[in-house]
Amino acid sequence: MPLPLPLIPMAQPALFIDRDGTLIVNRHYLVDPELVELLPGAAELVRLAKRNEFLVIVISNQSGVARGLMSLEDVGRVNDRLSDLCPGIDAKLFCPHGPDDNCNCRKPKLGLLEEARRVFEVDLDNSLMVGDSAGDIEFGRSAGLSTVLVRTGYGSETERTIGVEGVLVVDGLDDPLLTSMLSR
């Protein structure tokens, strides 16, 4: 009788998505969880991603920690509130360093992507990055991900100031072009 084969985990595509200005209204250095407000289409996009077997991984720079404007606990409480309002998020990864700290985890560097890959089997070939800032776009491009710029948060300004060649630009998270990227 043959021995059973071990189960090999299947890599899953991931929706890497920025938090402030993309999933939630951008409130500078947000510390009060009661002020977390989902942007239109956020919960629906996460549900669609989960229904189509995508991991949902929030990737966020939180330099307010390094600046002394918020604590790690503040970030945790805001992220917990995000999870309450938008169930289905698999991980909320963030960089607590400032822009001048030269760390590896601050977008557009790929340290948070590497962290996600240590925890999850990620199929990068079929994953995407959605965000509103130049750092989000550069992160997605550097990782070789399909990259989407949303015109929420800093998105419209980002569109005007950086090259968006090869980047899908949409008005919001409910845009049919974006949602079609999550349909498998």
Protein backbone atom coordinates (compact mmCIF):
# COMPACT_ATOMS: atom_id res chain seq x y z
CA MET A 1 0.00 0.00 0.00
CA PRO A 2 1.53 3.39 -0.99
CA LEU A 3 2.19 5.97 1.68
CA PRO A 4 -0.02 9.07 1.56
CA LEU A 5 1.66 12.04 -0.05
CA PRO A 6 2.26 15.04 2.21
CA LEU A 7 0.04 18.01 1.65
CA ILE A 8 1.93 20.77 -0.11
CA PRO A 9 0.45 24.20 0.52
CA MET A 10 -0.72 25.91 -2.63
CA ALA A 11 0.52 29.41 -3.18
CA GLN A 12 -2.29 31.96 -3.24
CA PRO A 13 -2.36 35.27 -5.05
CA ALA A 14 -2.51 38.28 -2.77
CA LEU A 15 -4.21 41.62 -2.85
CA PHE A 16 -1.59 43.88 -1.28
CA ILE A 17 -3.36 47.10 -0.40
CA ASP A 18 -2.43 50.37 1.27
CA ARG A 19 -4.42 51.46 4.32
CA ASP A 20 -4.68 55.27 4.64
CA GLY A 21 -6.19 56.93 1.59
CA THR A 22 -6.90 53.58 -0.09
CA LEU A 23 -8.97 51.40 2.27
CA ILE A 24 -9.84 54.14 4.77
CA VAL A 25 -10.16 57.91 4.71
CA ASN A 26 -6.72 59.43 5.19
CA ARG A 27 -6.61 61.20 8.56
CA HIS A 28 -3.04 62.23 9.25
CA TYR A 29 -1.49 60.21 12.08
CA LEU A 30 -4.73 58.47 12.96
CA VAL A 31 -4.78 57.33 16.60
CA ASP A 32 -8.50 57.21 17.38
CA PRO A 33 -10.10 53.98 16.17
CA GLU A 34 -13.51 55.65 16.21
CA LEU A 35 -12.35 57.87 13.32
CA VAL A 36 -11.67 54.91 11.01
CA GLU A 37 -13.96 55.32 8.01
CA LEU A 38 -13.93 52.89 5.12
CA LEU A 39 -13.73 54.34 1.64
CA PRO A 40 -16.54 53.31 -0.73
CA GLY A 41 -16.08 49.80 -2.06
CA ALA A 42 -13.46 48.75 0.53
CA ALA A 43 -15.45 46.01 2.26
CA GLU A 44 -16.82 44.75 -1.05
CA LEU A 45 -13.33 44.57 -2.58
CA VAL A 46 -12.03 42.54 0.37
CA ARG A 47 -15.04 40.19 0.16
CA LEU A 48 -14.48 39.73 -3.58
CA ALA A 49 -10.80 38.99 -3.04
CA LYS A 50 -11.58 36.40 -0.37
CA ARG A 51 -14.33 34.81 -2.47
CA ASN A 52 -11.76 34.35 -5.24
CA GLU A 53 -9.17 32.90 -2.85
CA PHE A 54 -6.84 35.90 -2.65
CA LEU A 55 -4.95 36.69 0.50
CA VAL A 56 -5.67 40.26 1.61
CA ILE A 57 -2.60 41.92 3.07
CA VAL A 58 -2.57 45.55 4.15
CA ILE A 59 0.86 47.17 3.63
CA SER A 60 1.23 50.54 5.36
CA ASN A 61 3.83 53.12 6.35
CA GLN A 62 3.11 54.52 9.83
CA SER A 63 5.89 57.07 10.38
CA GLY A 64 3.86 58.71 13.15
CA VAL A 65 5.32 56.07 15.47
CA ALA A 66 8.90 57.20 14.75
CA ARG A 67 7.83 60.84 15.03
CA GLY A 68 6.34 60.24 18.49
CA LEU A 69 2.83 61.14 17.32
CA MET A 70 1.38 57.67 17.92
CA SER A 71 2.32 54.45 19.65
CA LEU A 72 2.48 50.91 18.33
CA GLU A 73 -0.64 50.29 20.43
CA ASP A 74 -2.43 53.16 18.65
CA VAL A 75 -1.63 51.58 15.28
CA GLY A 76 -2.85 48.23 16.60
CA ARG A 77 -6.16 49.69 17.80
CA VAL A 78 -6.76 51.44 14.46
CA ASN A 79 -5.91 48.22 12.60
CA ASP A 80 -8.27 46.25 14.86
CA ARG A 81 -11.06 48.72 14.05
CA LEU A 82 -10.28 48.31 10.34
CA SER A 83 -10.71 44.54 10.77
CA ASP A 84 -14.03 45.07 12.55
CA LEU A 85 -15.34 47.22 9.69
CA CYS A 86 -13.75 45.19 6.92
CA PRO A 87 -13.57 41.49 7.83
CA GLY A 88 -11.44 39.15 5.76
CA ILE A 89 -8.08 40.90 5.98
CA ASP A 90 -5.41 38.23 6.49
CA ALA A 91 -2.63 40.51 7.72
CA LYS A 92 -1.95 44.16 8.48
CA LEU A 93 1.76 44.82 8.10
CA PHE A 94 3.24 48.23 8.73
CA CYS A 95 6.52 50.08 8.95
CA PRO A 96 6.85 52.21 12.11
CA HIS A 97 9.99 54.01 10.89
CA GLY A 98 10.42 57.52 9.55
CA PRO A 99 11.44 58.45 6.02
CA ASP A 100 15.05 59.12 7.05
CA ASP A 101 15.53 55.89 9.04
CA ASN A 102 16.72 53.95 5.98
CA CYS A 103 14.94 50.77 7.06
CA ASN A 104 14.05 47.94 4.71
CA CYS A 105 10.34 47.84 5.61
CA ARG A 106 9.25 51.33 4.55
CA LYS A 107 7.48 51.37 1.20
CA PRO A 108 8.62 51.51 -1.53
CA LYS A 109 11.25 49.07 -0.22
CA LEU A 110 10.10 45.47 -0.19
CA GLY A 111 10.67 44.44 3.44
CA LEU A 112 6.95 44.11 4.17
CA LEU A 113 6.50 41.97 1.07
CA GLU A 114 9.32 39.72 2.29
CA GLU A 115 7.62 39.54 5.70
CA ALA A 116 4.34 38.53 4.06
CA ARG A 117 6.15 35.82 2.11
CA ARG A 118 7.66 34.42 5.33
CA VAL A 119 4.14 33.96 6.72
CA PHE A 120 2.13 33.07 3.62
CA GLU A 121 2.67 31.08 0.44
CA VAL A 122 2.17 33.97 -2.00
CA ASP A 123 1.79 33.55 -5.75
CA LEU A 124 3.39 36.85 -6.78
CA ASP A 125 2.75 36.25 -10.49
CA ASN A 126 -0.99 36.62 -9.89
CA SER A 127 -0.91 39.18 -7.08
CA LEU A 128 -1.54 42.90 -7.21
CA MET A 129 -0.79 46.09 -5.30
CA VAL A 130 -3.43 48.79 -4.84
CA GLY A 131 -2.56 52.19 -3.41
CA ASP A 132 -2.77 55.95 -3.66
CA SER A 133 0.84 57.13 -3.32
CA ALA A 134 4.04 57.14 -5.32
CA GLY A 135 5.53 54.77 -2.72
CA ASP A 136 2.68 52.31 -3.29
CA ILE A 137 3.18 52.42 -7.05
CA GLU A 138 6.95 52.01 -6.80
CA PHE A 139 6.46 49.13 -4.33
CA GLY A 140 4.17 47.33 -6.76
CA ARG A 141 6.44 47.92 -9.73
CA SER A 142 9.57 46.84 -7.82
CA ALA A 143 7.86 43.63 -6.72
CA GLY A 144 6.70 42.89 -10.27
CA LEU A 145 3.05 43.04 -9.22
CA SER A 146 0.12 44.22 -11.27
CA THR A 147 -0.22 47.71 -9.84
CA VAL A 148 -3.30 49.88 -9.43
CA LEU A 149 -3.42 53.57 -8.47
CA VAL A 150 -6.71 54.71 -6.95
CA ARG A 151 -7.60 58.39 -7.17
CA THR A 152 -8.61 58.45 -3.50
CA GLY A 153 -6.35 59.88 -0.80
CA TYR A 154 -3.24 61.19 -2.57
CA GLY A 155 -4.09 59.28 -5.76
CA SER A 156 -5.07 62.20 -8.00
CA GLU A 157 -1.97 64.14 -6.96
CA THR A 158 0.19 61.05 -7.46
CA GLU A 159 -1.24 60.57 -10.95
CA ARG A 160 -0.20 64.12 -11.87
CA THR A 161 3.30 63.91 -10.43
CA ILE A 162 4.64 60.47 -11.36
CA GLY A 163 4.63 58.40 -14.50
CA VAL A 164 1.79 55.92 -14.44
CA GLU A 165 2.78 53.95 -17.52
CA GLY A 166 1.92 50.31 -17.00
CA VAL A 167 -0.26 51.15 -13.98
CA LEU A 168 -4.03 50.83 -13.98
CA VAL A 169 -5.56 54.09 -12.71
CA VAL A 170 -9.09 53.91 -11.28
CA ASP A 171 -11.42 56.31 -9.49
CA GLY A 172 -12.16 54.01 -6.55
CA LEU A 173 -12.13 50.51 -5.15
CA ASP A 174 -15.43 49.66 -6.81
CA ASP A 175 -14.11 50.31 -10.33
CA PRO A 176 -15.01 47.37 -12.62
CA LEU A 177 -11.48 47.24 -14.06
CA LEU A 178 -10.06 46.70 -10.57
CA THR A 179 -12.71 44.22 -9.47
CA SER A 180 -12.20 42.22 -12.68
CA MET A 181 -8.55 41.73 -11.69
CA LEU A 182 -9.74 39.79 -8.64
CA SER A 183 -12.08 37.50 -10.58
CA ARG A 184 -10.64 34.07 -11.29
